[in-house]
Amino acid sequence: VSLHCADPGKLNVLDIAPSSLVDPGAFHA
């Protein structure tokens, strides 16, 4: 269903809030 449910020892899956970034565009790059 989602890799958020995958084994974190093999794959770390993260969501990062764009509102927490000073420059989301530079972070995207």
PDB file of all heavy atoms in Angstrom:
ATOM      1  N   VAL A   1       0.839  -1.201   0.000  1.00  0.00           N
ATOM      2  CA  VAL A   1       0.000   0.000   0.000  1.00  0.00           C
ATOM      3  C   VAL A   1       0.871   1.246   0.000  1.00  0.00           C
ATOM      4  O   VAL A   1       0.653   2.174  -0.779  1.00  0.00           O
ATOM      5  CB  VAL A   1      -0.964  -0.005   1.210  1.00  0.00           C
ATOM      6  CG1 VAL A   1      -1.715   1.321   1.322  1.00  0.00           C
ATOM      7  CG2 VAL A   1      -1.947  -1.171   1.096  1.00  0.00           C
ATOM      8  N   SER A   2       1.857   1.273   0.887  1.00  0.00           N
ATOM      9  CA  SER A   2       2.735   2.438   0.999  1.00  0.00           C
ATOM     10  C   SER A   2       4.099   2.005   1.505  1.00  0.00           C
ATOM     11  O   SER A   2       4.194   1.166   2.407  1.00  0.00           O
ATOM     12  CB  SER A   2       2.146   3.455   1.978  1.00  0.00           C
ATOM     13  OG  SER A   2       3.073   4.493   2.248  1.00  0.00           O
ATOM     14  N   LEU A   3       5.123   2.625   0.958  1.00  0.00           N
ATOM     15  CA  LEU A   3       6.465   2.340   1.446  1.00  0.00           C
ATOM     16  C   LEU A   3       6.684   2.935   2.839  1.00  0.00           C
ATOM     17  O   LEU A   3       7.670   2.612   3.493  1.00  0.00           O
ATOM     18  CB  LEU A   3       7.517   2.818   0.455  1.00  0.00           C
ATOM     19  CG  LEU A   3       7.564   1.998  -0.833  1.00  0.00           C
ATOM     20  CD1 LEU A   3       8.600   2.559  -1.793  1.00  0.00           C
ATOM     21  CD2 LEU A   3       7.842   0.538  -0.545  1.00  0.00           C
ATOM     22  N   HIS A   4       5.757   3.767   3.313  1.00  0.00           N
ATOM     23  CA  HIS A   4       5.810   4.209   4.709  1.00  0.00           C
ATOM     24  C   HIS A   4       5.688   2.997   5.642  1.00  0.00           C
ATOM     25  O   HIS A   4       6.063   3.069   6.799  1.00  0.00           O
ATOM     26  CB  HIS A   4       4.691   5.204   5.036  1.00  0.00           C
ATOM     27  CG  HIS A   4       5.018   6.619   4.708  1.00  0.00           C
ATOM     28  ND1 HIS A   4       5.887   7.383   5.447  1.00  0.00           N
ATOM     29  CD2 HIS A   4       4.575   7.418   3.712  1.00  0.00           C
ATOM     30  CE1 HIS A   4       5.967   8.597   4.922  1.00  0.00           C
ATOM     31  NE2 HIS A   4       5.183   8.636   3.868  1.00  0.00           N
ATOM     32  N   CYS A   5       5.160   1.896   5.128  1.00  0.00           N
ATOM     33  CA  CYS A   5       5.005   0.669   5.907  1.00  0.00           C
ATOM     34  C   CYS A   5       6.124  -0.331   5.636  1.00  0.00           C
ATOM     35  O   CYS A   5       6.076  -1.463   6.124  1.00  0.00           O
ATOM     36  CB  CYS A   5       3.645   0.026   5.608  1.00  0.00           C
ATOM     37  SG  CYS A   5       2.235   1.051   6.023  1.00  0.00           S
ATOM     38  N   ALA A   6       7.118   0.059   4.864  1.00  0.00           N
ATOM     39  CA  ALA A   6       8.234  -0.838   4.537  1.00  0.00           C
ATOM     40  C   ALA A   6       9.175  -0.995   5.733  1.00  0.00           C
ATOM     41  O   ALA A   6       9.083  -0.252   6.718  1.00  0.00           O
ATOM     42  CB  ALA A   6       9.011  -0.281   3.341  1.00  0.00           C
ATOM     43  N   ASP A   7      10.093  -1.929   5.631  1.00  0.00           N
ATOM     44  CA  ASP A   7      11.088  -2.176   6.671  1.00  0.00           C
ATOM     45  C   ASP A   7      12.048  -0.978   6.733  1.00  0.00           C
ATOM     46  O   ASP A   7      12.819  -0.748   5.789  1.00  0.00           O
ATOM     47  CB  ASP A   7      11.862  -3.459   6.337  1.00  0.00           C
ATOM     48  CG  ASP A   7      12.952  -3.794   7.329  1.00  0.00           C
ATOM     49  OD1 ASP A   7      13.247  -2.981   8.240  1.00  0.00           O
ATOM     50  OD2 ASP A   7      13.532  -4.887   7.191  1.00  0.00           O
ATOM     51  N   PRO A   8      12.039  -0.213   7.838  1.00  0.00           N
ATOM     52  CA  PRO A   8      12.910   0.962   7.913  1.00  0.00           C
ATOM     53  C   PRO A   8      14.398   0.616   7.969  1.00  0.00           C
ATOM     54  O   PRO A   8      15.236   1.481   7.740  1.00  0.00           O
ATOM     55  CB  PRO A   8      12.453   1.667   9.192  1.00  0.00           C
ATOM     56  CG  PRO A   8      11.796   0.618  10.006  1.00  0.00           C
ATOM     57  CD  PRO A   8      11.206  -0.369   9.026  1.00  0.00           C
ATOM     58  N   GLY A   9      14.737  -0.642   8.227  1.00  0.00           N
ATOM     59  CA  GLY A   9      16.132  -1.058   8.177  1.00  0.00           C
ATOM     60  C   GLY A   9      16.652  -1.130   6.749  1.00  0.00           C
ATOM     61  O   GLY A   9      17.865  -1.117   6.517  1.00  0.00           O
ATOM     62  N   LYS A  10      15.727  -1.194   5.783  1.00  0.00           N
ATOM     63  CA  LYS A  10      16.098  -1.253   4.369  1.00  0.00           C
ATOM     64  C   LYS A  10      15.807   0.058   3.636  1.00  0.00           C
ATOM     65  O   LYS A  10      16.496   0.412   2.688  1.00  0.00           O
ATOM     66  CB  LYS A  10      15.348  -2.387   3.680  1.00  0.00           C
ATOM     67  CG  LYS A  10      15.734  -3.753   4.209  1.00  0.00           C
ATOM     68  CD  LYS A  10      14.954  -4.835   3.525  1.00  0.00           C
ATOM     69  CE  LYS A  10      15.332  -6.194   4.108  1.00  0.00           C
ATOM     70  NZ  LYS A  10      14.506  -7.262   3.577  1.00  0.00           N
ATOM     71  N   LEU A  11      14.736   0.747   4.064  1.00  0.00           N
ATOM     72  CA  LEU A  11      14.322   1.978   3.397  1.00  0.00           C
ATOM     73  C   LEU A  11      13.724   2.927   4.425  1.00  0.00           C
ATOM     74  O   LEU A  11      12.772   2.576   5.102  1.00  0.00           O
ATOM     75  CB  LEU A  11      13.279   1.660   2.312  1.00  0.00           C
ATOM     76  CG  LEU A  11      12.803   2.823   1.463  1.00  0.00           C
ATOM     77  CD1 LEU A  11      13.907   3.260   0.484  1.00  0.00           C
ATOM     78  CD2 LEU A  11      11.544   2.445   0.678  1.00  0.00           C
ATOM     79  N   ASN A  12      14.308   4.116   4.547  1.00  0.00           N
ATOM     80  CA  ASN A  12      13.704   5.155   5.379  1.00  0.00           C
ATOM     81  C   ASN A  12      12.815   5.997   4.482  1.00  0.00           C
ATOM     82  O   ASN A  12      13.249   6.465   3.421  1.00  0.00           O
ATOM     83  CB  ASN A  12      14.766   6.052   6.000  1.00  0.00           C
ATOM     84  CG  ASN A  12      15.425   5.471   7.240  1.00  0.00           C
ATOM     85  OD1 ASN A  12      16.221   6.148   7.884  1.00  0.00           O
ATOM     86  ND2 ASN A  12      15.132   4.243   7.613  1.00  0.00           N
ATOM     87  N   VAL A  13      11.579   6.155   4.903  1.00  0.00           N
ATOM     88  CA  VAL A  13      10.610   6.963   4.161  1.00  0.00           C
ATOM     89  C   VAL A  13      10.188   8.109   5.062  1.00  0.00           C
ATOM     90  O   VAL A  13       9.733   7.879   6.189  1.00  0.00           O
ATOM     91  CB  VAL A  13       9.397   6.116   3.725  1.00  0.00           C
ATOM     92  CG1 VAL A  13       8.395   6.978   2.966  1.00  0.00           C
ATOM     93  CG2 VAL A  13       9.846   4.936   2.874  1.00  0.00           C
ATOM     94  N   LEU A  14      10.365   9.332   4.565  1.00  0.00           N
ATOM     95  CA  LEU A  14      10.117  10.532   5.362  1.00  0.00           C
ATOM     96  C   LEU A  14       9.202  11.487   4.623  1.00  0.00           C
ATOM     97  O   LEU A  14       9.305  11.618   3.408  1.00  0.00           O
ATOM     98  CB  LEU A  14      11.426  11.297   5.609  1.00  0.00           C
ATOM     99  CG  LEU A  14      12.664  10.559   6.019  1.00  0.00           C
ATOM    100  CD1 LEU A  14      13.850  11.504   5.971  1.00  0.00           C
ATOM    101  CD2 LEU A  14      12.485  10.004   7.410  1.00  0.00           C
ATOM    102  N   ASP A  15       8.383  12.181   5.381  1.00  0.00           N
ATOM    103  CA  ASP A  15       7.662  13.335   4.864  1.00  0.00           C
ATOM    104  C   ASP A  15       8.178  14.553   5.617  1.00  0.00           C
ATOM    105  O   ASP A  15       8.266  14.529   6.848  1.00  0.00           O
ATOM    106  CB  ASP A  15       6.157  13.197   5.080  1.00  0.00           C
ATOM    107  CG  ASP A  15       5.511  12.168   4.171  1.00  0.00           C
ATOM    108  OD1 ASP A  15       6.155  11.735   3.198  1.00  0.00           O
ATOM    109  OD2 ASP A  15       4.361  11.793   4.450  1.00  0.00           O
ATOM    110  N   ILE A  16       8.533  15.587   4.884  1.00  0.00           N
ATOM    111  CA  ILE A  16       9.046  16.826   5.472  1.00  0.00           C
ATOM    112  C   ILE A  16       8.088  17.953   5.120  1.00  0.00           C
ATOM    113  O   ILE A  16       7.741  18.156   3.953  1.00  0.00           O
ATOM    114  CB  ILE A  16      10.470  17.132   4.966  1.00  0.00           C
ATOM    115  CG1 ILE A  16      11.420  16.020   5.438  1.00  0.00           C
ATOM    116  CG2 ILE A  16      10.939  18.504   5.449  1.00  0.00           C
ATOM    117  CD1 ILE A  16      12.834  16.135   4.924  1.00  0.00           C
ATOM    118  N   ALA A  17       7.662  18.691   6.150  1.00  0.00           N
ATOM    119  CA  ALA A  17       6.712  19.785   5.956  1.00  0.00           C
ATOM    120  C   ALA A  17       7.362  20.929   5.200  1.00  0.00           C
ATOM    121  O   ALA A  17       8.373  21.479   5.648  1.00  0.00           O
ATOM    122  CB  ALA A  17       6.210  20.285   7.314  1.00  0.00           C
ATOM    123  N   PRO A  18       6.798  21.324   4.054  1.00  0.00           N
ATOM    124  CA  PRO A  18       7.366  22.454   3.315  1.00  0.00           C
ATOM    125  C   PRO A  18       7.313  23.746   4.136  1.00  0.00           C
ATOM    126  O   PRO A  18       8.181  24.601   4.009  1.00  0.00           O
ATOM    127  CB  PRO A  18       6.514  22.557   2.053  1.00  0.00           C
ATOM    128  CG  PRO A  18       5.394  21.612   2.209  1.00  0.00           C
ATOM    129  CD  PRO A  18       5.661  20.721   3.369  1.00  0.00           C
ATOM    130  N   SER A  19       6.323  23.853   5.019  1.00  0.00           N
ATOM    131  CA  SER A  19       6.188  25.051   5.854  1.00  0.00           C
ATOM    132  C   SER A  19       7.325  25.186   6.861  1.00  0.00           C
ATOM    133  O   SER A  19       7.532  26.258   7.427  1.00  0.00           O
ATOM    134  CB  SER A  19       4.852  25.034   6.590  1.00  0.00           C
ATOM    135  OG  SER A  19       4.777  23.902   7.442  1.00  0.00           O
ATOM    136  N   SER A  20       8.090  24.100   7.076  1.00  0.00           N
ATOM    137  CA  SER A  20       9.199  24.138   8.034  1.00  0.00           C
ATOM    138  C   SER A  20      10.510  24.578   7.385  1.00  0.00           C
ATOM    139  O   SER A  20      11.535  24.665   8.060  1.00  0.00           O
ATOM    140  CB  SER A  20       9.377  22.768   8.693  1.00  0.00           C
ATOM    141  OG  SER A  20       9.901  21.811   7.785  1.00  0.00           O
ATOM    142  N   LEU A  21      10.483  24.853   6.090  1.00  0.00           N
ATOM    143  CA  LEU A  21      11.691  25.196   5.341  1.00  0.00           C
ATOM    144  C   LEU A  21      11.721  26.675   4.984  1.00  0.00           C
ATOM    145  O   LEU A  21      10.705  27.227   4.549  1.00  0.00           O
ATOM    146  CB  LEU A  21      11.751  24.369   4.052  1.00  0.00           C
ATOM    147  CG  LEU A  21      11.787  22.860   4.249  1.00  0.00           C
ATOM    148  CD1 LEU A  21      11.429  22.148   2.954  1.00  0.00           C
ATOM    149  CD2 LEU A  21      13.152  22.436   4.760  1.00  0.00           C
ATOM    150  N   VAL A  22      12.879  27.283   5.134  1.00  0.00           N
ATOM    151  CA  VAL A  22      13.040  28.688   4.758  1.00  0.00           C
ATOM    152  C   VAL A  22      12.888  28.873   3.253  1.00  0.00           C
ATOM    153  O   VAL A  22      12.285  29.833   2.792  1.00  0.00           O
ATOM    154  CB  VAL A  22      14.417  29.217   5.239  1.00  0.00           C
ATOM    155  CG1 VAL A  22      14.712  30.591   4.664  1.00  0.00           C
ATOM    156  CG2 VAL A  22      14.470  29.248   6.744  1.00  0.00           C
ATOM    157  N   ASP A  23      13.426  27.910   2.478  1.00  0.00           N
ATOM    158  CA  ASP A  23      13.381  28.004   1.013  1.00  0.00           C
ATOM    159  C   ASP A  23      13.012  26.641   0.419  1.00  0.00           C
ATOM    160  O   ASP A  23      13.892  25.865   0.046  1.00  0.00           O
ATOM    161  CB  ASP A  23      14.738  28.480   0.490  1.00  0.00           C
ATOM    162  CG  ASP A  23      14.719  28.796  -0.998  1.00  0.00           C
ATOM    163  OD1 ASP A  23      13.768  28.377  -1.707  1.00  0.00           O
ATOM    164  OD2 ASP A  23      15.667  29.461  -1.462  1.00  0.00           O
ATOM    165  N   PRO A  24      11.707  26.335   0.336  1.00  0.00           N
ATOM    166  CA  PRO A  24      11.293  25.043  -0.207  1.00  0.00           C
ATOM    167  C   PRO A  24      11.802  24.781  -1.626  1.00  0.00           C
ATOM    168  O   PRO A  24      12.106  23.647  -1.978  1.00  0.00           O
ATOM    169  CB  PRO A  24       9.767  25.096  -0.167  1.00  0.00           C
ATOM    170  CG  PRO A  24       9.442  26.106   0.879  1.00  0.00           C
ATOM    171  CD  PRO A  24      10.562  27.108   0.803  1.00  0.00           C
ATOM    172  N   GLY A  25      11.918  25.817  -2.435  1.00  0.00           N
ATOM    173  CA  GLY A  25      12.413  25.642  -3.801  1.00  0.00           C
ATOM    174  C   GLY A  25      13.860  25.169  -3.829  1.00  0.00           C
ATOM    175  O   GLY A  25      14.225  24.266  -4.599  1.00  0.00           O
ATOM    176  N   ALA A  26      14.696  25.755  -2.992  1.00  0.00           N
ATOM    177  CA  ALA A  26      16.100  25.341  -2.917  1.00  0.00           C
ATOM    178  C   ALA A  26      16.204  23.926  -2.345  1.00  0.00           C
ATOM    179  O   ALA A  26      17.047  23.135  -2.778  1.00  0.00           O
ATOM    180  CB  ALA A  26      16.903  26.326  -2.065  1.00  0.00           C
ATOM    181  N   PHE A  27      15.344  23.597  -1.390  1.00  0.00           N
ATOM    182  CA  PHE A  27      15.337  22.244  -0.822  1.00  0.00           C
ATOM    183  C   PHE A  27      14.942  21.230  -1.899  1.00  0.00           C
ATOM    184  O   PHE A  27      15.547  20.170  -2.018  1.00  0.00           O
ATOM    185  CB  PHE A  27      14.392  22.183   0.379  1.00  0.00           C
ATOM    186  CG  PHE A  27      14.470  20.901   1.152  1.00  0.00           C
ATOM    187  CD1 PHE A  27      15.581  20.614   1.935  1.00  0.00           C
ATOM    188  CD2 PHE A  27      13.438  19.986   1.115  1.00  0.00           C
ATOM    189  CE1 PHE A  27      15.660  19.421   2.658  1.00  0.00           C
ATOM    190  CE2 PHE A  27      13.507  18.797   1.831  1.00  0.00           C
ATOM    191  CZ  PHE A  27      14.624  18.515   2.599  1.00  0.00           C
ATOM    192  N   HIS A  28      13.938  21.581  -2.697  1.00  0.00           N
ATOM    193  CA  HIS A  28      13.511  20.722  -3.798  1.00  0.00           C
ATOM    194  C   HIS A  28      14.683  20.460  -4.751  1.00  0.00           C
ATOM    195  O   HIS A  28      14.920  19.325  -5.168  1.00  0.00           O
ATOM    196  CB  HIS A  28      12.341  21.371  -4.529  1.00  0.00           C
ATOM    197  CG  HIS A  28      11.725  20.526  -5.587  1.00  0.00           C
ATOM    198  ND1 HIS A  28      10.503  20.793  -6.111  1.00  0.00           N
ATOM    199  CD2 HIS A  28      12.152  19.419  -6.238  1.00  0.00           C
ATOM    200  CE1 HIS A  28      10.210  19.887  -7.034  1.00  0.00           C
ATOM    201  NE2 HIS A  28      11.201  19.053  -7.130  1.00  0.00           N
ATOM    202  N   ALA A  29      15.423  21.502  -5.081  1.00  0.00           N
ATOM    203  CA  ALA A  29      16.575  21.350  -5.980  1.00  0.00           C
ATOM    204  C   ALA A  29      17.641  20.435  -5.367  1.00  0.00           C
ATOM    205  O   ALA A  29      18.233  19.603  -6.066  1.00  0.00           O
ATOM    206  CB  ALA A  29      17.170  22.720  -6.306  1.00  0.00           C
TER     207      ALA A  29
END
